[in-house]
Amino acid sequence: MSFTCLVKITKQCSFVNPSRSINLLRECSRSLSSTAQDGNEIIVEKLSGKKEGITVLGLNRPAAKNAFSRSLVNRFTSILSDLAHDKHTRVVVLRSLTPGIFCAGADLKERLQMTPDEVSKFVSTLRSLLISIEQLPMPVIAAIDGVALGGGLEMALACDMRTAAEDVKLGLVETRLAILPGAGGTQRLPRLLNPALAKELIFTSRIFDGSAAKEMGIVNHVVYQNDTQDAAYAKAIELAKEIIPNGPVGVRMAKKAIDKGMQVDIATGYAIEEACYAQVIPTKDRVEGLKAFAEKRKPVYKGE
């Protein structure tokens, strides 16, 4: 507890006002809780009510524009490890809590202090982090309400879907620094776009806005920014709410079938689809879906 809080409480106690002292304790507790939260580089929020099943990951490193530092990467890795085994989370939404910034990429100030070996190790760790996002079993939506450059855009590309404000700035700009997108950007962007267009964007380090990203197929939805700076986040939640009523096992298996199937020839893809379908046949959710259809009611899925 802070010294200021203790002084306030001591003064109140000296006037024998226990009720006021308790209120001050609560006030200080809220203040300290808020301060502690501000110090967290990623805030995890599990939504409730009609949004239950949505877990929001909020990037919260405003002083460095949410740039990837060692500490942020370590914290993020730990969170993803827990999420990968969370059966209650049906959709993950990745957003920024820093107005005007999604993620500015690597922390170049920290990078400047690294040796070549340390840089190589860090980039490898960052690449593994983004692969972990990509391989989460549930859908992941990136809500881009601010600038997403370099590793920031690479992170968004690792998500299953993306929403963006029309005027945000995006780009894989690494070649401006005499390097290349090294956290999966050279692999994900060509799979998303015409490879020749992906090469053009990477070779030129071109920066483009949300509207252009939608035209190119980089984002699923582009929205007009509003006064609260969270239009893309609102759209991402809207999209997540369309997903959560559906059978969670079916959604997870569909994601697995798509992601694995894209990496192989079509015949092998069919086999992967068959294997994924086989995993939904014995589930209670599948039976619940059939019963709900017959009884003309909404199904209640439990992920079993």
C-alpha atoms as a PDB file:
ATOM      1  CA  MET A   1       0.000   0.000   0.000  1.00  0.00           C
ATOM      2  CA  SER A   2       1.238   3.505  -0.842  1.00  0.00           C
ATOM      3  CA  PHE A   3       2.515   5.910   1.819  1.00  0.00           C
ATOM      4  CA  THR A   4      -0.157   8.467   0.843  1.00  0.00           C
ATOM      5  CA  CYS A   5      -2.925   5.969   1.463  1.00  0.00           C
ATOM      6  CA  LEU A   6      -1.504   5.017   4.832  1.00  0.00           C
ATOM      7  CA  VAL A   7      -1.308   8.669   5.870  1.00  0.00           C
ATOM      8  CA  LYS A   8      -4.943   9.265   4.900  1.00  0.00           C
ATOM      9  CA  ILE A   9      -6.128   6.221   6.815  1.00  0.00           C
ATOM     10  CA  THR A  10      -4.043   7.082   9.866  1.00  0.00           C
ATOM     11  CA  LYS A  11      -5.546  10.573   9.985  1.00  0.00           C
ATOM     12  CA  GLN A  12      -9.049   9.215   9.703  1.00  0.00           C
ATOM     13  CA  CYS A  13      -8.433   6.650  12.405  1.00  0.00           C
ATOM     14  CA  SER A  14      -7.162   9.399  14.689  1.00  0.00           C
ATOM     15  CA  PHE A  15     -10.601  10.969  14.464  1.00  0.00           C
ATOM     16  CA  VAL A  16     -12.210   7.602  15.290  1.00  0.00           C
ATOM     17  CA  ASN A  17     -14.053   7.321  11.993  1.00  0.00           C
ATOM     18  CA  PRO A  18     -13.868   3.614  11.134  1.00  0.00           C
ATOM     19  CA  SER A  19     -16.450   3.858   8.337  1.00  0.00           C
ATOM     20  CA  ARG A  20     -14.431   6.503   6.544  1.00  0.00           C
ATOM     21  CA  SER A  21     -11.256   4.506   7.084  1.00  0.00           C
ATOM     22  CA  ILE A  22     -12.797   1.442   5.465  1.00  0.00           C
ATOM     23  CA  ASN A  23     -13.903   3.532   2.483  1.00  0.00           C
ATOM     24  CA  LEU A  24     -10.391   4.899   2.132  1.00  0.00           C
ATOM     25  CA  LEU A  25      -8.958   1.409   2.241  1.00  0.00           C
ATOM     26  CA  ARG A  26     -11.269   0.434  -0.588  1.00  0.00           C
ATOM     27  CA  GLU A  27     -10.362   3.581  -2.532  1.00  0.00           C
ATOM     28  CA  CYS A  28      -6.659   2.897  -2.155  1.00  0.00           C
ATOM     29  CA  SER A  29      -7.176  -0.730  -3.102  1.00  0.00           C
ATOM     30  CA  ARG A  30      -8.920   0.308  -6.327  1.00  0.00           C
ATOM     31  CA  SER A  31      -6.172   2.809  -7.052  1.00  0.00           C
ATOM     32  CA  LEU A  32      -3.431   0.278  -6.514  1.00  0.00           C
ATOM     33  CA  SER A  33      -5.314  -2.297  -8.591  1.00  0.00           C
ATOM     34  CA  SER A  34      -5.603   0.200 -11.442  1.00  0.00           C
ATOM     35  CA  THR A  35      -1.925   1.053 -11.188  1.00  0.00           C
ATOM     36  CA  ALA A  36      -0.979  -2.612 -11.229  1.00  0.00           C
ATOM     37  CA  GLN A  37      -3.151  -3.154 -14.276  1.00  0.00           C
ATOM     38  CA  ASP A  38      -1.549  -0.241 -16.079  1.00  0.00           C
ATOM     39  CA  GLY A  39       1.792  -1.968 -15.519  1.00  0.00           C
ATOM     40  CA  ASN A  40       0.664  -5.145 -17.279  1.00  0.00           C
ATOM     41  CA  GLU A  41       1.764  -5.239 -20.890  1.00  0.00           C
ATOM     42  CA  ILE A  42      -1.149  -7.496 -21.838  1.00  0.00           C
ATOM     43  CA  ILE A  43      -4.533  -7.322 -20.134  1.00  0.00           C
ATOM     44  CA  VAL A  44      -6.673 -10.479 -20.289  1.00  0.00           C
ATOM     45  CA  GLU A  45     -10.432  -9.956 -20.080  1.00  0.00           C
ATOM     46  CA  LYS A  46     -13.021 -12.726 -20.186  1.00  0.00           C
ATOM     47  CA  LEU A  47     -16.341 -11.254 -21.276  1.00  0.00           C
ATOM     48  CA  SER A  48     -19.674 -12.258 -19.765  1.00  0.00           C
ATOM     49  CA  GLY A  49     -23.385 -12.174 -20.515  1.00  0.00           C
ATOM     50  CA  LYS A  50     -24.175 -12.439 -24.217  1.00  0.00           C
ATOM     51  CA  LYS A  51     -20.424 -12.189 -24.876  1.00  0.00           C
ATOM     52  CA  GLU A  52     -19.493 -15.121 -22.649  1.00  0.00           C
ATOM     53  CA  GLY A  53     -16.932 -17.308 -24.366  1.00  0.00           C
ATOM     54  CA  ILE A  54     -14.986 -14.338 -25.759  1.00  0.00           C
ATOM     55  CA  THR A  55     -11.547 -13.683 -24.288  1.00  0.00           C
ATOM     56  CA  VAL A  56      -9.982 -10.313 -25.104  1.00  0.00           C
ATOM     57  CA  LEU A  57      -6.219  -9.804 -25.078  1.00  0.00           C
ATOM     58  CA  GLY A  58      -5.395  -6.103 -24.790  1.00  0.00           C
ATOM     59  CA  LEU A  59      -1.915  -4.890 -25.696  1.00  0.00           C
ATOM     60  CA  ASN A  60      -0.980  -2.322 -23.071  1.00  0.00           C
ATOM     61  CA  ARG A  61       2.518  -0.912 -23.574  1.00  0.00           C
ATOM     62  CA  PRO A  62       1.701   2.691 -24.539  1.00  0.00           C
ATOM     63  CA  ALA A  63       5.116   4.229 -23.857  1.00  0.00           C
ATOM     64  CA  ALA A  64       6.655   1.958 -26.515  1.00  0.00           C
ATOM     65  CA  LYS A  65       3.656   1.851 -28.880  1.00  0.00           C
ATOM     66  CA  ASN A  66       3.052  -1.805 -27.950  1.00  0.00           C
ATOM     67  CA  ALA A  67       6.382  -2.762 -29.509  1.00  0.00           C
ATOM     68  CA  PHE A  68       7.628  -6.303 -28.935  1.00  0.00           C
ATOM     69  CA  SER A  69      10.123  -6.372 -26.079  1.00  0.00           C
ATOM     70  CA  ARG A  70      11.522  -9.432 -24.337  1.00  0.00           C
ATOM     71  CA  SER A  71       9.146  -8.931 -21.427  1.00  0.00           C
ATOM     72  CA  LEU A  72       6.065  -8.535 -23.640  1.00  0.00           C
ATOM     73  CA  VAL A  73       6.943 -11.631 -25.661  1.00  0.00           C
ATOM     74  CA  ASN A  74       7.481 -13.681 -22.503  1.00  0.00           C
ATOM     75  CA  ARG A  75       4.193 -12.514 -20.984  1.00  0.00           C
ATOM     76  CA  PHE A  76       2.324 -13.140 -24.237  1.00  0.00           C
ATOM     77  CA  THR A  77       3.795 -16.643 -24.562  1.00  0.00           C
ATOM     78  CA  SER A  78       2.617 -17.548 -21.069  1.00  0.00           C
ATOM     79  CA  ILE A  79      -0.918 -16.277 -21.759  1.00  0.00           C
ATOM     80  CA  LEU A  80      -1.174 -18.236 -25.014  1.00  0.00           C
ATOM     81  CA  SER A  81       0.003 -21.396 -23.282  1.00  0.00           C
ATOM     82  CA  ASP A  82      -2.918 -21.097 -20.866  1.00  0.00           C
ATOM     83  CA  LEU A  83      -5.416 -20.208 -23.599  1.00  0.00           C
ATOM     84  CA  ALA A  84      -4.488 -23.241 -25.664  1.00  0.00           C
ATOM     85  CA  HIS A  85      -6.003 -25.440 -22.933  1.00  0.00           C
ATOM     86  CA  ASP A  86      -8.956 -23.197 -22.064  1.00  0.00           C
ATOM     87  CA  LYS A  87     -12.154 -24.994 -23.075  1.00  0.00           C
ATOM     88  CA  HIS A  88     -14.320 -22.079 -21.928  1.00  0.00           C
ATOM     89  CA  THR A  89     -12.848 -19.665 -24.477  1.00  0.00           C
ATOM     90  CA  ARG A  90     -14.574 -20.001 -27.845  1.00  0.00           C
ATOM     91  CA  VAL A  91     -13.151 -16.917 -29.577  1.00  0.00           C
ATOM     92  CA  VAL A  92     -10.098 -14.747 -28.850  1.00  0.00           C
ATOM     93  CA  VAL A  93     -10.058 -11.068 -29.804  1.00  0.00           C
ATOM     94  CA  LEU A  94      -6.666  -9.366 -29.948  1.00  0.00           C
ATOM     95  CA  ARG A  95      -6.770  -5.585 -29.603  1.00  0.00           C
ATOM     96  CA  SER A  96      -4.743  -2.611 -28.398  1.00  0.00           C
ATOM     97  CA  LEU A  97      -5.521  -0.556 -25.307  1.00  0.00           C
ATOM     98  CA  THR A  98      -3.264   2.217 -26.637  1.00  0.00           C
ATOM     99  CA  PRO A  99      -5.214   4.763 -28.751  1.00  0.00           C
ATOM    100  CA  GLY A 100      -3.910   5.130 -32.309  1.00  0.00           C
ATOM    101  CA  ILE A 101      -1.545   2.154 -32.088  1.00  0.00           C
ATOM    102  CA  PHE A 102      -2.111  -1.551 -32.638  1.00  0.00           C
ATOM    103  CA  CYS A 103       1.539  -2.577 -32.573  1.00  0.00           C
ATOM    104  CA  ALA A 104       4.590  -0.778 -33.948  1.00  0.00           C
ATOM    105  CA  GLY A 105       6.565  -3.997 -34.392  1.00  0.00           C
ATOM    106  CA  ALA A 106       9.889  -4.689 -32.737  1.00  0.00           C
ATOM    107  CA  ASP A 107      11.231  -2.548 -29.908  1.00  0.00           C
ATOM    108  CA  LEU A 108      14.085  -1.006 -31.892  1.00  0.00           C
ATOM    109  CA  LYS A 109      15.625   0.694 -28.861  1.00  0.00           C
ATOM    110  CA  GLU A 110      15.973  -2.651 -27.157  1.00  0.00           C
ATOM    111  CA  ARG A 111      17.052  -4.299 -30.421  1.00  0.00           C
ATOM    112  CA  LEU A 112      19.890  -1.794 -30.806  1.00  0.00           C
ATOM    113  CA  GLN A 113      21.430  -3.050 -27.560  1.00  0.00           C
ATOM    114  CA  MET A 114      21.394  -6.703 -28.657  1.00  0.00           C
ATOM    115  CA  THR A 115      24.289  -8.663 -30.090  1.00  0.00           C
ATOM    116  CA  PRO A 116      23.744 -10.426 -33.444  1.00  0.00           C
ATOM    117  CA  ASP A 117      23.250 -13.730 -31.616  1.00  0.00           C
ATOM    118  CA  GLU A 118      20.696 -12.158 -29.292  1.00  0.00           C
ATOM    119  CA  VAL A 119      18.825 -10.673 -32.254  1.00  0.00           C
ATOM    120  CA  SER A 120      18.687 -14.072 -33.949  1.00  0.00           C
ATOM    121  CA  LYS A 121      17.376 -15.733 -30.800  1.00  0.00           C
ATOM    122  CA  PHE A 122      14.791 -13.002 -30.173  1.00  0.00           C
ATOM    123  CA  VAL A 123      13.425 -13.107 -33.733  1.00  0.00           C
ATOM    124  CA  SER A 124      13.138 -16.884 -33.460  1.00  0.00           C
ATOM    125  CA  THR A 125      11.239 -16.492 -30.177  1.00  0.00           C
ATOM    126  CA  LEU A 126       8.939 -13.887 -31.731  1.00  0.00           C
ATOM    127  CA  ARG A 127       8.280 -16.146 -34.707  1.00  0.00           C
ATOM    128  CA  SER A 128       7.360 -18.955 -32.298  1.00  0.00           C
ATOM    129  CA  LEU A 129       5.006 -16.590 -30.459  1.00  0.00           C
ATOM    130  CA  LEU A 130       3.108 -15.728 -33.634  1.00  0.00           C
ATOM    131  CA  ILE A 131       2.935 -19.399 -34.577  1.00  0.00           C
ATOM    132  CA  SER A 132       1.360 -19.993 -31.155  1.00  0.00           C
ATOM    133  CA  ILE A 133      -1.301 -17.389 -31.992  1.00  0.00           C
ATOM    134  CA  GLU A 134      -1.896 -19.072 -35.331  1.00  0.00           C
ATOM    135  CA  GLN A 135      -2.171 -22.502 -33.729  1.00  0.00           C
ATOM    136  CA  LEU A 136      -4.608 -21.638 -30.949  1.00  0.00           C
ATOM    137  CA  PRO A 137      -7.455 -24.146 -31.291  1.00  0.00           C
ATOM    138  CA  MET A 138     -10.189 -21.489 -31.281  1.00  0.00           C
ATOM    139  CA  PRO A 139     -10.687 -18.644 -33.796  1.00  0.00           C
ATOM    140  CA  VAL A 140      -8.613 -15.508 -33.204  1.00  0.00           C
ATOM    141  CA  ILE A 141      -9.692 -12.079 -34.479  1.00  0.00           C
ATOM    142  CA  ALA A 142      -7.329  -9.100 -34.673  1.00  0.00           C
ATOM    143  CA  ALA A 143      -9.032  -5.731 -34.121  1.00  0.00           C
ATOM    144  CA  ILE A 144      -6.794  -3.124 -35.753  1.00  0.00           C
ATOM    145  CA  ASP A 145      -7.813   0.314 -34.499  1.00  0.00           C
ATOM    146  CA  GLY A 146      -4.345   1.809 -34.830  1.00  0.00           C
ATOM    147  CA  VAL A 147      -1.030   1.628 -36.657  1.00  0.00           C
ATOM    148  CA  ALA A 148       0.178  -1.928 -37.380  1.00  0.00           C
ATOM    149  CA  LEU A 149       3.645  -1.963 -38.905  1.00  0.00           C
ATOM    150  CA  GLY A 150       6.305  -4.642 -39.267  1.00  0.00           C
ATOM    151  CA  GLY A 151       5.847  -7.249 -36.559  1.00  0.00           C
ATOM    152  CA  GLY A 152       2.543  -5.624 -35.641  1.00  0.00           C
ATOM    153  CA  LEU A 153       1.050  -6.519 -39.011  1.00  0.00           C
ATOM    154  CA  GLU A 154       2.758  -9.911 -38.889  1.00  0.00           C
ATOM    155  CA  MET A 155       0.937 -10.560 -35.611  1.00  0.00           C
ATOM    156  CA  ALA A 156      -2.385  -9.586 -37.175  1.00  0.00           C
ATOM    157  CA  LEU A 157      -1.663 -11.904 -40.113  1.00  0.00           C
ATOM    158  CA  ALA A 158      -1.178 -14.764 -37.634  1.00  0.00           C
ATOM    159  CA  CYS A 159      -4.812 -14.351 -36.568  1.00  0.00           C
ATOM    160  CA  ASP A 160      -7.656 -16.111 -38.364  1.00  0.00           C
ATOM    161  CA  MET A 161      -9.538 -12.922 -39.203  1.00  0.00           C
ATOM    162  CA  ARG A 162      -8.916  -9.186 -39.093  1.00  0.00           C
ATOM    163  CA  THR A 163     -11.063  -6.080 -38.713  1.00  0.00           C
ATOM    164  CA  ALA A 164      -9.587  -2.627 -39.297  1.00  0.00           C
ATOM    165  CA  ALA A 165     -10.529   1.025 -39.121  1.00  0.00           C
ATOM    166  CA  GLU A 166     -10.521   2.581 -42.580  1.00  0.00           C
ATOM    167  CA  ASP A 167      -7.758   5.098 -41.882  1.00  0.00           C
ATOM    168  CA  VAL A 168      -5.260   2.986 -39.927  1.00  0.00           C
ATOM    169  CA  LYS A 169      -1.776   2.544 -41.366  1.00  0.00           C
ATOM    170  CA  LEU A 170      -0.455  -0.927 -42.070  1.00  0.00           C
ATOM    171  CA  GLY A 171       2.612  -2.361 -43.746  1.00  0.00           C
ATOM    172  CA  LEU A 172       5.483  -4.802 -43.642  1.00  0.00           C
ATOM    173  CA  VAL A 173       8.210  -2.171 -43.592  1.00  0.00           C
ATOM    174  CA  GLU A 174      11.225  -4.232 -42.551  1.00  0.00           C
ATOM    175  CA  THR A 175      13.204  -3.764 -45.783  1.00  0.00           C
ATOM    176  CA  ARG A 176      13.490  -0.053 -44.889  1.00  0.00           C
ATOM    177  CA  LEU A 177      15.728  -1.223 -42.048  1.00  0.00           C
ATOM    178  CA  ALA A 178      17.719  -3.533 -44.321  1.00  0.00           C
ATOM    179  CA  ILE A 179      16.046  -6.644 -42.899  1.00  0.00           C
ATOM    180  CA  LEU A 180      12.957  -8.662 -43.860  1.00  0.00           C
ATOM    181  CA  PRO A 181       9.701  -9.684 -42.168  1.00  0.00           C
ATOM    182  CA  GLY A 182      11.094 -12.436 -39.968  1.00  0.00           C
ATOM    183  CA  ALA A 183       8.153 -13.462 -37.783  1.00  0.00           C
ATOM    184  CA  GLY A 184       6.256 -15.265 -40.532  1.00  0.00           C
ATOM    185  CA  GLY A 185       5.306 -12.303 -42.711  1.00  0.00           C
ATOM    186  CA  THR A 186       7.090 -13.591 -45.820  1.00  0.00           C
ATOM    187  CA  GLN A 187       5.082 -16.812 -45.556  1.00  0.00           C
ATOM    188  CA  ARG A 188       1.628 -15.669 -44.453  1.00  0.00           C
ATOM    189  CA  LEU A 189       1.144 -12.675 -46.761  1.00  0.00           C
ATOM    190  CA  PRO A 190       1.831 -14.608 -50.024  1.00  0.00           C
ATOM    191  CA  ARG A 191      -0.634 -17.283 -48.892  1.00  0.00           C
ATOM    192  CA  LEU A 192      -3.245 -14.610 -48.288  1.00  0.00           C
ATOM    193  CA  LEU A 193      -2.662 -12.598 -51.482  1.00  0.00           C
ATOM    194  CA  ASN A 194      -1.372 -13.067 -54.978  1.00  0.00           C
ATOM    195  CA  PRO A 195       2.343 -13.819 -54.335  1.00  0.00           C
ATOM    196  CA  ALA A 196       3.386 -11.092 -56.782  1.00  0.00           C
ATOM    197  CA  LEU A 197       1.358  -8.511 -54.848  1.00  0.00           C
ATOM    198  CA  ALA A 198       2.779  -9.733 -51.538  1.00  0.00           C
ATOM    199  CA  LYS A 199       6.286  -9.339 -52.973  1.00  0.00           C
ATOM    200  CA  GLU A 200       5.492  -5.805 -54.110  1.00  0.00           C
ATOM    201  CA  LEU A 201       4.268  -4.810 -50.648  1.00  0.00           C
ATOM    202  CA  ILE A 202       7.295  -6.335 -48.918  1.00  0.00           C
ATOM    203  CA  PHE A 203       9.968  -5.197 -51.394  1.00  0.00           C
ATOM    204  CA  THR A 204       8.695  -1.603 -51.375  1.00  0.00           C
ATOM    205  CA  SER A 205       7.888  -1.445 -47.637  1.00  0.00           C
ATOM    206  CA  ARG A 206       4.644   0.167 -48.727  1.00  0.00           C
ATOM    207  CA  ILE A 207       2.327   1.602 -46.079  1.00  0.00           C
ATOM    208  CA  PHE A 208      -1.391   1.409 -46.860  1.00  0.00           C
ATOM    209  CA  ASP A 209      -4.636   2.151 -45.046  1.00  0.00           C
ATOM    210  CA  GLY A 210      -7.467  -0.053 -43.828  1.00  0.00           C
ATOM    211  CA  SER A 211      -9.585   0.523 -46.927  1.00  0.00           C
ATOM    212  CA  ALA A 212      -6.759  -0.621 -49.204  1.00  0.00           C
ATOM    213  CA  ALA A 213      -6.193  -3.625 -46.942  1.00  0.00           C
ATOM    214  CA  LYS A 214      -9.831  -4.619 -47.430  1.00  0.00           C
ATOM    215  CA  GLU A 215      -9.571  -4.255 -51.205  1.00  0.00           C
ATOM    216  CA  MET A 216      -6.485  -6.467 -51.233  1.00  0.00           C
ATOM    217  CA  GLY A 217      -8.095  -9.072 -48.983  1.00  0.00           C
ATOM    218  CA  ILE A 218      -5.775  -8.559 -46.015  1.00  0.00           C
ATOM    219  CA  VAL A 219      -8.637  -7.705 -43.642  1.00  0.00           C
ATOM    220  CA  ASN A 220     -12.131  -9.179 -43.499  1.00  0.00           C
ATOM    221  CA  HIS A 221     -13.951  -5.989 -42.536  1.00  0.00           C
ATOM    222  CA  VAL A 222     -13.106  -2.289 -42.689  1.00  0.00           C
ATOM    223  CA  VAL A 223     -15.066   0.124 -40.508  1.00  0.00           C
ATOM    224  CA  TYR A 224     -15.288   3.857 -40.011  1.00  0.00           C
ATOM    225  CA  GLN A 225     -13.395   5.014 -36.945  1.00  0.00           C
ATOM    226  CA  ASN A 226     -15.439   6.673 -34.218  1.00  0.00           C
ATOM    227  CA  ASP A 227     -14.792   9.000 -31.326  1.00  0.00           C
ATOM    228  CA  THR A 228     -13.895   6.185 -28.948  1.00  0.00           C
ATOM    229  CA  GLN A 229     -11.191   4.827 -31.241  1.00  0.00           C
ATOM    230  CA  ASP A 230     -12.515   1.276 -31.032  1.00  0.00           C
ATOM    231  CA  ALA A 231     -14.583   0.756 -34.189  1.00  0.00           C
ATOM    232  CA  ALA A 232     -12.564  -2.258 -35.331  1.00  0.00           C
ATOM    233  CA  TYR A 233     -12.801  -3.756 -31.848  1.00  0.00           C
ATOM    234  CA  ALA A 234     -16.585  -3.348 -31.856  1.00  0.00           C
ATOM    235  CA  LYS A 235     -16.734  -5.082 -35.240  1.00  0.00           C
ATOM    236  CA  ALA A 236     -14.491  -7.892 -33.975  1.00  0.00           C
ATOM    237  CA  ILE A 237     -16.806  -8.455 -31.003  1.00  0.00           C
ATOM    238  CA  GLU A 238     -19.790  -8.460 -33.360  1.00  0.00           C
ATOM    239  CA  LEU A 239     -18.056 -11.106 -35.465  1.00  0.00           C
ATOM    240  CA  ALA A 240     -17.120 -13.137 -32.374  1.00  0.00           C
ATOM    241  CA  LYS A 241     -20.739 -13.069 -31.198  1.00  0.00           C
ATOM    242  CA  GLU A 242     -21.754 -14.731 -34.470  1.00  0.00           C
ATOM    243  CA  ILE A 243     -19.315 -17.566 -33.748  1.00  0.00           C
ATOM    244  CA  ILE A 244     -19.936 -18.340 -30.068  1.00  0.00           C
ATOM    245  CA  PRO A 245     -23.470 -19.833 -30.467  1.00  0.00           C
ATOM    246  CA  ASN A 246     -22.062 -22.541 -32.763  1.00  0.00           C
ATOM    247  CA  GLY A 247     -20.665 -25.864 -31.609  1.00  0.00           C
ATOM    248  CA  PRO A 248     -17.190 -25.125 -30.210  1.00  0.00           C
ATOM    249  CA  VAL A 249     -15.776 -28.542 -31.094  1.00  0.00           C
ATOM    250  CA  GLY A 250     -17.066 -28.201 -34.645  1.00  0.00           C
ATOM    251  CA  VAL A 251     -15.568 -24.713 -34.984  1.00  0.00           C
ATOM    252  CA  ARG A 252     -12.199 -25.869 -33.632  1.00  0.00           C
ATOM    253  CA  MET A 253     -12.126 -28.882 -35.934  1.00  0.00           C
ATOM    254  CA  ALA A 254     -13.116 -26.711 -38.912  1.00  0.00           C
ATOM    255  CA  LYS A 255     -10.205 -24.389 -38.137  1.00  0.00           C
ATOM    256  CA  LYS A 256      -7.833 -27.337 -37.889  1.00  0.00           C
ATOM    257  CA  ALA A 257      -9.067 -28.849 -41.151  1.00  0.00           C
ATOM    258  CA  ILE A 258      -8.656 -25.532 -43.006  1.00  0.00           C
ATOM    259  CA  ASP A 259      -5.240 -24.668 -41.588  1.00  0.00           C
ATOM    260  CA  LYS A 260      -3.752 -28.127 -42.044  1.00  0.00           C
ATOM    261  CA  GLY A 261      -5.397 -28.650 -45.421  1.00  0.00           C
ATOM    262  CA  MET A 262      -3.927 -25.452 -46.862  1.00  0.00           C
ATOM    263  CA  GLN A 263      -0.424 -26.827 -46.333  1.00  0.00           C
ATOM    264  CA  VAL A 264      -0.853 -29.992 -48.396  1.00  0.00           C
ATOM    265  CA  ASP A 265      -2.226 -31.226 -51.731  1.00  0.00           C
ATOM    266  CA  ILE A 266      -6.001 -31.487 -52.144  1.00  0.00           C
ATOM    267  CA  ALA A 267      -6.133 -35.284 -51.755  1.00  0.00           C
ATOM    268  CA  THR A 268      -4.306 -35.106 -48.432  1.00  0.00           C
ATOM    269  CA  GLY A 269      -6.573 -32.227 -47.497  1.00  0.00           C
ATOM    270  CA  TYR A 270      -9.633 -34.450 -47.941  1.00  0.00           C
ATOM    271  CA  ALA A 271      -8.052 -37.002 -45.599  1.00  0.00           C
ATOM    272  CA  ILE A 272      -7.424 -34.294 -43.010  1.00  0.00           C
ATOM    273  CA  GLU A 273     -11.039 -33.149 -43.293  1.00  0.00           C
ATOM    274  CA  GLU A 274     -12.231 -36.727 -42.790  1.00  0.00           C
ATOM    275  CA  ALA A 275     -10.050 -37.136 -39.704  1.00  0.00           C
ATOM    276  CA  CYS A 276     -11.354 -33.882 -38.226  1.00  0.00           C
ATOM    277  CA  TYR A 277     -14.963 -34.864 -38.945  1.00  0.00           C
ATOM    278  CA  ALA A 278     -14.394 -38.175 -37.202  1.00  0.00           C
ATOM    279  CA  GLN A 279     -13.622 -36.259 -34.011  1.00  0.00           C
ATOM    280  CA  VAL A 280     -17.011 -34.498 -33.941  1.00  0.00           C
ATOM    281  CA  ILE A 281     -19.143 -37.613 -34.542  1.00  0.00           C
ATOM    282  CA  PRO A 282     -18.944 -38.992 -30.963  1.00  0.00           C
ATOM    283  CA  THR A 283     -19.527 -35.610 -29.267  1.00  0.00           C
ATOM    284  CA  LYS A 284     -22.535 -34.718 -27.122  1.00  0.00           C
ATOM    285  CA  ASP A 285     -22.724 -31.398 -28.959  1.00  0.00           C
ATOM    286  CA  ARG A 286     -23.471 -33.133 -32.260  1.00  0.00           C
ATOM    287  CA  VAL A 287     -26.406 -34.978 -30.701  1.00  0.00           C
ATOM    288  CA  GLU A 288     -27.588 -31.754 -29.042  1.00  0.00           C
ATOM    289  CA  GLY A 289     -27.542 -30.016 -32.423  1.00  0.00           C
ATOM    290  CA  LEU A 290     -29.744 -32.702 -33.959  1.00  0.00           C
ATOM    291  CA  LYS A 291     -32.178 -32.657 -31.023  1.00  0.00           C
ATOM    292  CA  ALA A 292     -32.413 -28.871 -31.056  1.00  0.00           C
ATOM    293  CA  PHE A 293     -33.156 -28.915 -34.781  1.00  0.00           C
ATOM    294  CA  ALA A 294     -35.910 -31.492 -34.330  1.00  0.00           C
ATOM    295  CA  GLU A 295     -37.393 -29.607 -31.371  1.00  0.00           C
ATOM    296  CA  LYS A 296     -37.140 -26.246 -33.157  1.00  0.00           C
ATOM    297  CA  ARG A 297     -35.101 -24.588 -30.406  1.00  0.00           C
ATOM    298  CA  LYS A 298     -31.658 -23.086 -30.008  1.00  0.00           C
ATOM    299  CA  PRO A 299     -28.994 -25.671 -29.164  1.00  0.00           C
ATOM    300  CA  VAL A 300     -27.080 -25.417 -25.905  1.00  0.00           C
ATOM    301  CA  TYR A 301     -23.528 -26.506 -26.661  1.00  0.00           C
ATOM    302  CA  LYS A 302     -21.046 -27.347 -23.919  1.00  0.00           C
ATOM    303  CA  GLY A 303     -17.974 -28.220 -25.948  1.00  0.00           C
ATOM    304  CA  GLU A 304     -18.326 -31.913 -25.161  1.00  0.00           C
END
